[in-house]
Amino acid sequence: MREFTPNLATICDYVAHFAQTKPDDEAAVDDQNRITWKALEDAASSYASALIARGIKPGDRVAMLTHPNVPFLACLLGVLRAGAIWVGLNPKYTRSELEYVLEKAEPKIVLGTRALDPAGTLGAGAIYLDDLAHRETFFKESAEDQWLELDPEAPALMVFTSGSSGAPKAALLAQKGLVQAAQKRVTAWQHQGWRTLMNLPINHIGGVGDLCCTTLIAGGMLAFMERFDALGSLQVIERERLTLWFQVPTQMQLSLSQPSADTYDLSSLKAVIWSGAPAPRALVEDLAQRFPGKLGTDYSMTESIGAVSLTPLMDDVETLTKTVGWPVPGRAFNLRDGEITIKDDAMFAGYLGLSADETFEADGAFRTGDLGEIDSQGRLRITGRAKDMFKSGGYNVYPREVETALEAHDGVAMAAVIAMPDPIYNEVGHAFVLPNPNDSLSAADLDAFVRERLANYKVPKKITISSDLPLLPIGKIDKKALKRAEDIS
């Protein structure tokens, strides 16, 4: 395979390269800012200098609570340039989720905006960059020499993802993996422009890795939206003449189902890609008519950093609906007892606080938890999940985490959550709750109770309260029996 050009070691190297070769081209825009490559490089340098002046050293963690926007991008690059580890904080986090991440990550510096932290959850030492006094103090001191010899294999991102037990785990990702992931995607989906819609949260591998890093390495332009908006996405594509629409299928489905969707000029799009969940056949057929020859998909996860398998741009509905493309060349992909495993230096380094023995197989391979098979054309087909997890709107939902939240209610004796099909979100949660004797429960009360403890995508879409739930001999709820009953109904 031909070497990627330019083949640089880190994300920071690519930003510096494009700041020199096309300094006046736009690198990113949002509702309030438009920034060139040279200005982005300067802004990242300012963040790095300020962080180093405050004692940040390689391996330290820096957390930030914000929406996706231009200042986020500059801060992210500054953190990486200082050799520190970026920890994104999602504004959708509940207070308990935010406290959990901060406790586990132990950031040395926490940045944020007051508007997103009215309760002061970030702590007394937080620096609010929308506060003029805080901002001036933060940037007042700077290090004279912020250029460090960065280790591409050192952890650069800490991304929290849930384990099969339901407790969020902190995956450590290196710049080397982010660079290789972006290079593979740029090579597979070659087109002119790489003007990308970025409306995913800053703590998500899809936002920071798939969208931001891919576009930066392609030398493209990021168009930020603070949050996903179905109609707003089409407006930004039209206004900014975007070329890459890389989303979770649910987002595309919601956007194109808007009554006025057909009034927007989407002709600038040269690549329409989805990941995070399978796309319904009806959606793929619609996309194939709208964007012939421009569709693609990939199968990836936080731990893989980049795609495990993907397709080139095409309009083959059968490939795009029944498979997740071909295994990516150069990745050590394998099937062990039907479960997909990967093993290479482009995947994550492990989980914070967990040993290699607790994370990887004896030979260093990582079990993805997904079951698959290779068809006669060499394409990978996902056949199921070895782990008790489902995807809702592109997000991983682990039933045990939801069950734990439900069981924290005084009136709940036991809870079980299973996935049920949904035409928009692919899968949603159905919670079955066994009440304590003589307690009066309502689905509405439990819904409100859980919403105080979990992000909205984890909240079950349906809650059934019953005193007659099927039990296994050991006393646990029989989820297979619940699933069979759900399928029949």
Protein backbone atom coordinates (compact mmCIF):
# COMPACT_ATOMS: atom_id res chain seq x y z
CA MET A 1 0.00 0.00 0.00
CA ARG A 2 1.29 3.47 -0.91
CA GLU A 3 2.49 5.54 2.06
CA PHE A 4 0.12 8.24 3.24
CA THR A 5 1.27 11.77 2.34
CA PRO A 6 2.28 13.61 4.42
CA ASN A 7 2.99 10.78 6.84
CA LEU A 8 3.44 12.62 10.14
CA ALA A 9 3.61 11.24 13.68
CA THR A 10 1.02 13.26 15.60
CA ILE A 11 -2.13 15.31 15.19
CA CYS A 12 -0.12 18.34 16.32
CA ASP A 13 2.37 17.77 13.48
CA TYR A 14 -0.46 17.88 10.94
CA VAL A 15 -1.83 21.14 12.33
CA ALA A 16 1.65 22.70 12.18
CA HIS A 17 2.09 21.40 8.62
CA PHE A 18 -1.12 22.92 7.30
CA ALA A 19 -0.50 26.15 9.21
CA GLN A 20 2.64 26.48 7.10
CA THR A 21 1.38 25.20 3.75
CA LYS A 22 -2.04 26.91 3.68
CA PRO A 23 -2.10 29.38 6.58
CA ASP A 24 -5.05 31.44 5.34
CA ASP A 25 -7.42 28.56 4.56
CA GLU A 26 -10.23 28.02 7.04
CA ALA A 27 -9.71 25.14 9.46
CA ALA A 28 -12.90 25.42 11.53
CA VAL A 29 -16.08 27.44 11.96
CA ASP A 30 -18.93 27.65 14.44
CA ASP A 31 -21.82 30.05 15.04
CA GLN A 32 -19.49 32.74 16.40
CA ASN A 33 -16.02 31.96 15.06
CA ARG A 34 -14.15 31.33 11.85
CA ILE A 35 -10.51 30.34 12.23
CA THR A 36 -7.71 29.74 9.74
CA TRP A 37 -5.03 27.07 10.01
CA LYS A 38 -2.45 29.65 11.12
CA ALA A 39 -4.81 31.10 13.72
CA LEU A 40 -5.69 27.60 14.96
CA GLU A 41 -2.01 26.77 15.36
CA ASP A 42 -1.48 30.01 17.30
CA ALA A 43 -4.50 29.35 19.53
CA ALA A 44 -3.34 25.80 20.28
CA SER A 45 0.10 27.19 21.11
CA SER A 46 -1.47 29.68 23.55
CA TYR A 47 -3.35 26.89 25.33
CA ALA A 48 -0.23 24.72 25.49
CA SER A 49 1.86 27.59 26.87
CA ALA A 50 -0.72 28.44 29.51
CA LEU A 51 -1.06 24.82 30.59
CA ILE A 52 2.68 24.24 30.84
CA ALA A 53 3.08 27.48 32.78
CA ARG A 54 0.55 26.09 35.27
CA GLY A 55 2.64 22.99 35.79
CA ILE A 56 1.09 20.57 33.32
CA LYS A 57 3.54 17.83 32.40
CA PRO A 58 3.31 14.93 29.96
CA GLY A 59 0.81 12.37 31.26
CA ASP A 60 -1.17 14.86 33.35
CA ARG A 61 -4.91 15.04 32.66
CA VAL A 62 -6.77 18.16 31.57
CA ALA A 63 -10.58 18.05 31.55
CA MET A 64 -12.92 20.41 29.73
CA LEU A 65 -16.69 20.86 29.93
CA THR A 66 -18.00 22.47 26.77
CA HIS A 67 -19.98 22.00 23.59
CA PRO A 68 -18.18 21.20 20.32
CA ASN A 69 -16.92 24.52 18.95
CA VAL A 70 -13.76 26.28 17.78
CA PRO A 71 -12.42 27.02 21.31
CA PHE A 72 -12.82 23.32 22.15
CA LEU A 73 -10.68 22.38 19.15
CA ALA A 74 -7.95 24.86 20.07
CA CYS A 75 -7.93 23.61 23.66
CA LEU A 76 -7.81 19.95 22.60
CA LEU A 77 -4.80 20.64 20.38
CA GLY A 78 -3.14 22.65 23.14
CA VAL A 79 -3.55 19.78 25.59
CA LEU A 80 -2.06 17.31 23.10
CA ARG A 81 0.79 19.69 22.31
CA ALA A 82 1.61 19.93 26.02
CA GLY A 83 1.89 16.14 26.13
CA ALA A 84 -1.09 15.92 28.47
CA ILE A 85 -4.16 13.68 28.30
CA TRP A 86 -7.46 15.19 27.15
CA VAL A 87 -10.60 14.33 29.13
CA GLY A 88 -13.80 15.57 27.48
CA LEU A 89 -16.77 16.31 29.74
CA ASN A 90 -20.19 16.03 28.12
CA PRO A 91 -22.74 18.77 28.99
CA LYS A 92 -25.35 15.97 28.91
CA TYR A 93 -23.76 14.29 31.91
CA THR A 94 -25.88 14.29 35.05
CA ARG A 95 -24.21 15.60 38.20
CA SER A 96 -23.44 12.07 39.42
CA GLU A 97 -21.96 11.06 36.06
CA LEU A 98 -19.80 14.19 35.97
CA GLU A 99 -18.59 13.60 39.52
CA TYR A 100 -17.75 9.99 38.65
CA VAL A 101 -15.62 10.97 35.65
CA LEU A 102 -13.79 13.68 37.58
CA GLU A 103 -13.10 11.29 40.46
CA LYS A 104 -11.71 8.58 38.17
CA ALA A 105 -9.79 10.85 35.78
CA GLU A 106 -8.22 13.01 38.51
CA PRO A 107 -7.52 15.94 36.17
CA LYS A 108 -4.84 18.41 37.27
CA ILE A 109 -6.71 21.25 35.59
CA VAL A 110 -10.45 21.49 34.88
CA LEU A 111 -11.70 23.98 32.28
CA GLY A 112 -15.31 24.83 31.55
CA THR A 113 -18.01 27.43 31.06
CA ARG A 114 -20.15 28.74 33.89
CA ALA A 115 -23.34 28.44 31.85
CA LEU A 116 -22.85 24.67 31.67
CA ASP A 117 -21.96 24.29 35.35
CA PRO A 118 -24.45 26.37 37.36
CA ALA A 119 -24.13 24.06 40.37
CA GLY A 120 -20.35 24.30 40.51
CA THR A 121 -19.86 20.55 40.05
CA LEU A 122 -16.45 21.11 38.43
CA GLY A 123 -15.10 22.19 41.82
CA ALA A 124 -13.62 25.29 43.40
CA GLY A 125 -10.46 25.14 41.31
CA ALA A 126 -12.24 25.07 37.94
CA ILE A 127 -11.27 27.69 35.37
CA TYR A 128 -14.28 29.11 33.52
CA LEU A 129 -13.08 30.44 30.19
CA ASP A 130 -16.30 32.40 29.59
CA ASP A 131 -15.48 34.42 32.72
CA LEU A 132 -13.25 37.33 31.65
CA ALA A 133 -11.26 37.37 34.88
CA HIS A 134 -10.68 33.61 34.78
CA ARG A 135 -9.72 33.76 31.11
CA GLU A 136 -7.25 36.61 31.57
CA THR A 137 -5.65 34.86 34.54
CA PHE A 138 -5.41 31.56 32.65
CA PHE A 139 -3.62 33.04 29.64
CA LYS A 140 -1.60 35.62 31.62
CA GLU A 141 1.34 33.32 32.22
CA SER A 142 2.89 31.33 29.42
CA ALA A 143 5.84 29.01 29.03
CA GLU A 144 8.65 30.23 26.83
CA ASP A 145 9.21 26.87 25.19
CA GLN A 146 6.07 24.79 24.82
CA TRP A 147 7.42 22.57 22.06
CA LEU A 148 7.96 19.15 23.55
CA GLU A 149 9.23 15.97 21.97
CA LEU A 150 5.90 14.15 21.91
CA ASP A 151 5.69 10.38 22.15
CA PRO A 152 3.09 9.26 19.59
CA GLU A 153 2.49 6.08 21.60
CA ALA A 154 1.81 7.85 24.91
CA PRO A 155 -1.83 8.23 26.01
CA ALA A 156 -3.34 11.41 24.59
CA LEU A 157 -7.08 10.92 25.13
CA MET A 158 -9.05 9.43 27.99
CA VAL A 159 -12.46 8.34 26.74
CA PHE A 160 -14.96 6.90 29.19
CA THR A 161 -16.89 3.93 27.94
CA SER A 162 -18.95 1.40 29.87
CA GLY A 163 -17.87 -2.15 30.62
CA SER A 164 -20.12 -5.16 30.57
CA SER A 165 -20.63 -4.71 34.32
CA GLY A 166 -22.06 -1.25 33.68
CA ALA A 167 -19.35 0.77 35.43
CA PRO A 168 -17.79 3.32 33.03
CA LYS A 169 -14.15 2.57 32.22
CA ALA A 170 -11.52 5.04 31.04
CA ALA A 171 -9.94 3.91 27.76
CA LEU A 172 -6.51 5.37 27.02
CA LEU A 173 -5.89 6.35 23.39
CA ALA A 174 -2.60 7.44 21.83
CA GLN A 175 -1.99 9.92 19.01
CA LYS A 176 -0.43 7.12 16.97
CA GLY A 177 -3.76 5.28 16.88
CA LEU A 178 -5.70 8.47 16.08
CA VAL A 179 -3.35 9.28 13.21
CA GLN A 180 -3.47 5.79 11.73
CA ALA A 181 -7.26 5.67 12.04
CA ALA A 182 -7.59 8.97 10.19
CA GLN A 183 -5.13 7.95 7.49
CA LYS A 184 -7.08 4.74 6.78
CA ARG A 185 -10.36 6.65 6.45
CA VAL A 186 -8.92 9.40 4.27
CA THR A 187 -7.39 6.75 1.99
CA ALA A 188 -10.66 4.81 1.75
CA TRP A 189 -12.99 7.79 1.22
CA GLN A 190 -10.87 10.00 -1.02
CA HIS A 191 -12.58 13.14 -2.21
CA GLN A 192 -11.86 16.83 -2.56
CA GLY A 193 -12.66 19.11 0.34
CA TRP A 194 -13.07 17.20 3.59
CA ARG A 195 -15.43 19.89 4.84
CA THR A 196 -17.04 18.07 7.75
CA LEU A 197 -20.10 18.52 9.95
CA MET A 198 -19.10 18.10 13.63
CA ASN A 199 -22.09 17.87 15.98
CA LEU A 200 -21.04 15.03 18.31
CA PRO A 201 -20.03 15.55 21.97
CA ILE A 202 -16.42 16.20 22.89
CA ASN A 203 -16.13 13.12 25.11
CA HIS A 204 -17.09 10.72 22.30
CA ILE A 205 -14.59 8.95 20.05
CA GLY A 206 -16.92 9.74 17.18
CA GLY A 207 -16.54 13.47 17.74
CA VAL A 208 -12.90 13.78 18.76
CA GLY A 209 -11.50 10.93 16.69
CA ASP A 210 -13.71 10.05 13.73
CA LEU A 211 -14.68 13.62 12.83
CA CYS A 212 -12.06 16.00 14.21
CA CYS A 213 -8.87 13.98 13.75
CA THR A 214 -9.87 12.63 10.34
CA THR A 215 -10.63 16.12 9.05
CA LEU A 216 -7.48 17.64 10.54
CA ILE A 217 -5.25 15.01 8.95
CA ALA A 218 -7.04 15.45 5.63
CA GLY A 219 -6.34 19.18 5.82
CA GLY A 220 -10.06 19.91 5.67
CA MET A 221 -12.48 22.16 7.56
CA LEU A 222 -14.70 21.42 10.57
CA ALA A 223 -18.13 23.03 10.84
CA PHE A 224 -19.20 22.82 14.49
CA MET A 225 -22.71 22.66 15.91
CA GLU A 226 -23.09 22.83 19.68
CA ARG A 227 -25.57 19.99 19.62
CA PHE A 228 -27.31 17.83 17.07
CA ASP A 229 -30.27 19.48 15.40
CA ALA A 230 -32.01 17.60 12.62
CA LEU A 231 -32.92 20.58 10.45
CA GLY A 232 -29.94 22.63 11.56
CA SER A 233 -27.58 19.96 10.22
CA LEU A 234 -29.00 20.38 6.72
CA GLN A 235 -28.75 24.14 7.05
CA VAL A 236 -25.06 23.96 7.94
CA ILE A 237 -24.33 21.50 5.10
CA GLU A 238 -25.92 23.91 2.63
CA ARG A 239 -24.42 27.11 4.07
CA GLU A 240 -20.85 25.82 4.45
CA ARG A 241 -20.90 23.64 1.30
CA LEU A 242 -19.80 20.63 3.32
CA THR A 243 -18.43 17.56 1.57
CA LEU A 244 -18.44 14.93 4.36
CA TRP A 245 -21.53 13.90 6.32
CA PHE A 246 -20.27 11.32 8.83
CA GLN A 247 -22.97 10.51 11.39
CA VAL A 248 -24.81 7.90 13.35
CA PRO A 249 -27.66 6.56 11.11
CA THR A 250 -30.27 7.93 13.52
CA GLN A 251 -29.05 11.47 12.90
CA MET A 252 -29.31 11.12 9.13
CA GLN A 253 -32.74 9.54 9.42
CA LEU A 254 -34.04 12.35 11.63
CA SER A 255 -32.59 15.03 9.34
CA LEU A 256 -33.94 13.60 6.10
CA SER A 257 -37.37 12.94 7.61
CA GLN A 258 -37.93 16.66 8.22
CA PRO A 259 -40.81 17.99 6.06
CA SER A 260 -38.56 20.64 4.49
CA ALA A 261 -35.52 18.38 3.99
CA ASP A 262 -35.82 18.35 0.22
CA THR A 263 -35.64 22.15 0.04
CA TYR A 264 -31.97 22.18 1.11
CA ASP A 265 -29.11 22.02 -1.38
CA LEU A 266 -26.96 19.06 -0.33
CA SER A 267 -25.18 18.75 -3.68
CA SER A 268 -21.82 19.66 -2.14
CA LEU A 269 -21.69 16.31 -0.29
CA LYS A 270 -19.13 13.93 -1.75
CA ALA A 271 -19.09 11.32 1.04
CA VAL A 272 -22.01 10.20 3.23
CA ILE A 273 -20.75 7.82 5.92
CA TRP A 274 -22.33 6.23 8.98
CA SER A 275 -20.96 4.36 11.95
CA GLY A 276 -21.98 3.46 15.49
CA ALA A 277 -25.00 1.35 14.49
CA PRO A 278 -26.45 -0.46 11.47
CA ALA A 279 -28.44 1.69 9.06
CA PRO A 280 -32.01 0.56 8.24
CA ARG A 281 -32.44 -0.63 4.67
CA ALA A 282 -35.04 2.05 3.92
CA LEU A 283 -32.56 4.75 4.94
CA VAL A 284 -29.74 3.25 2.84
CA GLU A 285 -32.03 3.03 -0.20
CA ASP A 286 -33.01 6.66 0.29
CA LEU A 287 -29.38 7.73 0.62
CA ALA A 288 -28.39 5.70 -2.45
CA GLN A 289 -30.93 7.62 -4.51
CA ARG A 290 -29.87 10.99 -3.14
CA PHE A 291 -26.10 10.41 -3.20
CA PRO A 292 -25.29 7.65 -5.72
CA GLY A 293 -21.80 6.25 -5.39
CA LYS A 294 -21.03 8.39 -2.32
CA LEU A 295 -22.04 6.10 0.56
CA GLY A 296 -19.85 4.28 3.04
CA THR A 297 -19.85 2.70 6.47
CA ASP A 298 -17.34 1.56 9.03
CA TYR A 299 -17.35 -0.64 12.09
CA SER A 300 -15.36 0.75 14.98
CA MET A 301 -15.42 1.39 18.71
CA THR A 302 -13.57 3.42 21.30
CA GLU A 303 -11.11 0.61 21.95
CA SER A 304 -10.26 0.09 18.28
CA ILE A 305 -9.80 3.89 17.87
CA GLY A 306 -10.22 3.51 14.12
CA ALA A 307 -12.21 1.29 11.82
CA VAL A 308 -11.96 -2.47 12.16
CA SER A 309 -13.75 -2.80 8.83
CA LEU A 310 -15.12 -0.31 6.31
CA THR A 311 -16.31 0.15 2.75
CA PRO A 312 -15.05 2.42 0.01
CA LEU A 313 -17.58 4.95 -1.28
CA MET A 314 -20.34 3.07 -3.10
CA ASP A 315 -24.09 2.66 -3.46
CA ASP A 316 -24.29 -1.13 -3.09
CA VAL A 317 -27.30 -1.46 -0.80
CA GLU A 318 -26.66 -5.13 -0.07
CA THR A 319 -23.11 -4.51 1.17
CA LEU A 320 -24.14 -1.44 3.16
CA THR A 321 -27.10 -3.08 4.90
CA LYS A 322 -25.98 -6.67 5.41
CA THR A 323 -22.28 -6.14 6.19
CA VAL A 324 -19.87 -3.62 7.68
CA GLY A 325 -17.47 -3.80 4.77
CA TRP A 326 -14.05 -5.40 4.52
CA PRO A 327 -11.50 -5.76 7.35
CA VAL A 328 -9.09 -2.83 7.24
CA PRO A 329 -5.72 -3.78 5.69
CA GLY A 330 -2.94 -3.84 8.23
CA ARG A 331 -5.15 -4.52 11.26
CA ALA A 332 -4.65 -7.80 13.07
CA PHE A 333 -8.28 -8.83 12.79
CA ASN A 334 -9.43 -12.29 13.82
CA LEU A 335 -12.46 -14.36 14.81
CA ARG A 336 -12.18 -16.46 17.97
CA ASP A 337 -15.15 -18.71 18.53
CA GLY A 338 -17.06 -16.28 16.37
CA GLU A 339 -16.08 -13.22 18.42
CA ILE A 340 -14.24 -10.37 16.69
CA THR A 341 -10.80 -9.62 18.09
CA ILE A 342 -8.13 -7.08 17.17
CA LYS A 343 -4.48 -6.86 18.07
CA ASP A 344 -2.22 -4.09 16.81
CA ASP A 345 -0.43 -0.94 17.92
CA ALA A 346 -3.23 1.24 16.53
CA MET A 347 -5.79 0.21 19.15
CA PHE A 348 -6.16 1.56 22.67
CA ALA A 349 -3.48 1.04 25.31
CA GLY A 350 -5.84 -0.28 27.96
CA TYR A 351 -8.16 0.94 30.69
CA LEU A 352 -7.11 3.21 33.51
CA GLY A 353 -6.66 1.16 36.68
CA LEU A 354 -6.98 -2.23 34.99
CA SER A 355 -4.08 -4.53 34.26
CA ALA A 356 -3.30 -5.95 30.84
CA ASP A 357 -4.45 -9.35 32.09
CA GLU A 358 -7.86 -7.86 32.92
CA THR A 359 -8.17 -6.18 29.52
CA PHE A 360 -6.49 -8.30 26.87
CA GLU A 361 -6.06 -11.95 25.99
CA ALA A 362 -2.79 -13.69 26.82
CA ASP A 363 -1.41 -12.84 23.37
CA GLY A 364 -2.45 -9.18 23.65
CA ALA A 365 -5.63 -9.42 21.56
CA PHE A 366 -8.73 -7.45 22.55
CA ARG A 367 -12.12 -9.11 22.45
CA THR A 368 -14.65 -6.64 21.04
CA GLY A 369 -17.70 -8.42 22.41
CA ASP A 370 -19.22 -8.54 18.92
CA LEU A 371 -19.87 -11.75 17.04
CA GLY A 372 -19.26 -11.89 13.32
CA GLU A 373 -18.51 -13.92 10.23
CA ILE A 374 -16.77 -13.36 6.91
CA ASP A 375 -18.93 -13.93 3.83
CA SER A 376 -17.88 -15.33 0.45
CA GLN A 377 -16.80 -11.87 -0.73
CA GLY A 378 -14.59 -11.24 2.27
CA ARG A 379 -17.00 -8.84 3.93
CA LEU A 380 -17.55 -8.80 7.67
CA ARG A 381 -21.08 -9.36 8.92
CA ILE A 382 -22.02 -8.65 12.53
CA THR A 383 -24.17 -11.51 13.79
CA GLY A 384 -24.71 -10.57 17.41
CA ARG A 385 -23.08 -9.52 20.66
CA ALA A 386 -21.19 -11.66 23.10
CA LYS A 387 -21.56 -8.97 25.75
CA ASP A 388 -24.81 -7.70 27.21
CA MET A 389 -24.77 -4.33 25.45
CA PHE A 390 -26.89 -2.58 22.85
CA LYS A 391 -26.58 0.60 20.78
CA SER A 392 -29.19 3.32 20.92
CA GLY A 393 -28.71 6.17 18.48
CA GLY A 394 -25.02 5.26 18.18
CA TYR A 395 -24.38 5.26 21.93
CA ASN A 396 -23.41 2.15 23.89
CA VAL A 397 -25.98 1.31 26.55
CA TYR A 398 -25.08 -1.28 29.16
CA PRO A 399 -28.17 -2.76 30.82
CA ARG A 400 -26.47 -3.31 34.17
CA GLU A 401 -25.75 0.40 34.56
CA VAL A 402 -29.43 1.19 33.91
CA GLU A 403 -30.58 -1.61 36.21
CA THR A 404 -28.37 -0.27 38.99
CA ALA A 405 -29.94 3.17 38.62
CA LEU A 406 -33.45 1.68 38.80
CA GLU A 407 -32.60 -0.49 41.79
CA ALA A 408 -31.42 2.59 43.70
CA HIS A 409 -35.14 3.46 44.09
CA ASP A 410 -36.47 2.37 47.48
CA GLY A 411 -39.51 0.74 45.91
CA VAL A 412 -37.60 -1.46 43.45
CA ALA A 413 -36.59 -4.96 44.43
CA MET A 414 -35.07 -5.98 41.12
CA ALA A 415 -34.79 -4.66 37.58
CA ALA A 416 -33.87 -6.09 34.20
CA VAL A 417 -33.26 -4.16 30.98
CA ILE A 418 -33.35 -5.65 27.51
CA ALA A 419 -33.09 -4.09 24.07
CA MET A 420 -36.05 -3.81 21.75
CA PRO A 421 -36.00 -2.69 18.10
CA ASP A 422 -36.73 0.95 17.28
CA PRO A 423 -37.14 2.46 13.80
CA ILE A 424 -35.25 5.65 14.70
CA TYR A 425 -32.66 4.74 17.34
CA ASN A 426 -32.02 1.15 16.12
CA GLU A 427 -32.52 -0.20 19.65
CA VAL A 428 -33.95 1.21 22.87
CA GLY A 429 -34.21 -0.10 26.40
CA HIS A 430 -37.23 -1.88 27.87
CA ALA A 431 -37.02 -2.10 31.66
CA PHE A 432 -38.87 -4.74 33.66
CA VAL A 433 -39.19 -3.86 37.33
CA LEU A 434 -40.10 -6.09 40.27
CA PRO A 435 -41.47 -3.85 43.08
CA ASN A 436 -40.87 -4.35 46.77
CA PRO A 437 -43.89 -5.83 48.58
CA ASN A 438 -46.55 -3.28 49.45
CA ASP A 439 -44.77 -0.51 47.52
CA SER A 440 -46.68 1.51 44.95
CA LEU A 441 -44.64 2.31 41.86
CA SER A 442 -45.46 4.06 38.61
CA ALA A 443 -43.53 4.04 35.36
CA ALA A 444 -43.61 7.85 35.29
CA ASP A 445 -42.02 8.09 38.74
CA LEU A 446 -39.28 5.64 37.80
CA ASP A 447 -38.63 7.49 34.56
CA ALA A 448 -38.13 10.75 36.45
CA PHE A 449 -35.97 8.99 39.05
CA VAL A 450 -33.64 7.51 36.42
CA ARG A 451 -33.37 10.76 34.44
CA GLU A 452 -31.74 12.35 37.47
CA ARG A 453 -29.01 9.71 37.40
CA LEU A 454 -28.36 8.83 33.76
CA ALA A 455 -27.83 10.58 30.44
CA ASN A 456 -31.02 10.67 28.37
CA TYR A 457 -29.91 8.06 25.83
CA LYS A 458 -29.59 5.49 28.64
CA VAL A 459 -33.11 6.05 29.99
CA PRO A 460 -35.42 3.13 29.07
CA LYS A 461 -38.07 4.08 26.53
CA LYS A 462 -40.46 1.65 28.15
CA ILE A 463 -40.83 0.60 31.81
CA THR A 464 -43.00 -2.38 32.77
CA ILE A 465 -43.80 -2.95 36.44
CA SER A 466 -44.83 -6.50 37.31
CA SER A 467 -44.87 -8.71 40.37
CA ASP A 468 -44.67 -11.81 38.19
CA LEU A 469 -41.34 -11.70 36.36
CA PRO A 470 -39.69 -14.93 35.18
CA LEU A 471 -36.81 -15.94 37.43
CA LEU A 472 -33.84 -18.22 37.02
CA PRO A 473 -33.16 -20.85 39.69
CA ILE A 474 -30.56 -18.56 41.28
CA GLY A 475 -33.18 -15.83 41.73
CA LYS A 476 -32.14 -13.50 38.91
CA ILE A 477 -34.63 -12.33 36.33
CA ASP A 478 -34.62 -14.56 33.26
CA LYS A 479 -33.77 -12.06 30.51
CA LYS A 480 -34.05 -14.66 27.76
CA ALA A 481 -37.65 -15.31 28.78
CA LEU A 482 -38.35 -11.57 28.80
CA LYS A 483 -36.81 -11.25 25.35
CA ARG A 484 -38.92 -14.11 24.01
CA ALA A 485 -42.07 -12.49 25.44
CA GLU A 486 -41.08 -9.14 23.95
CA ASP A 487 -40.50 -10.72 20.53
CA ILE A 488 -43.91 -12.41 20.63
CA SER A 489 -45.69 -9.21 21.63
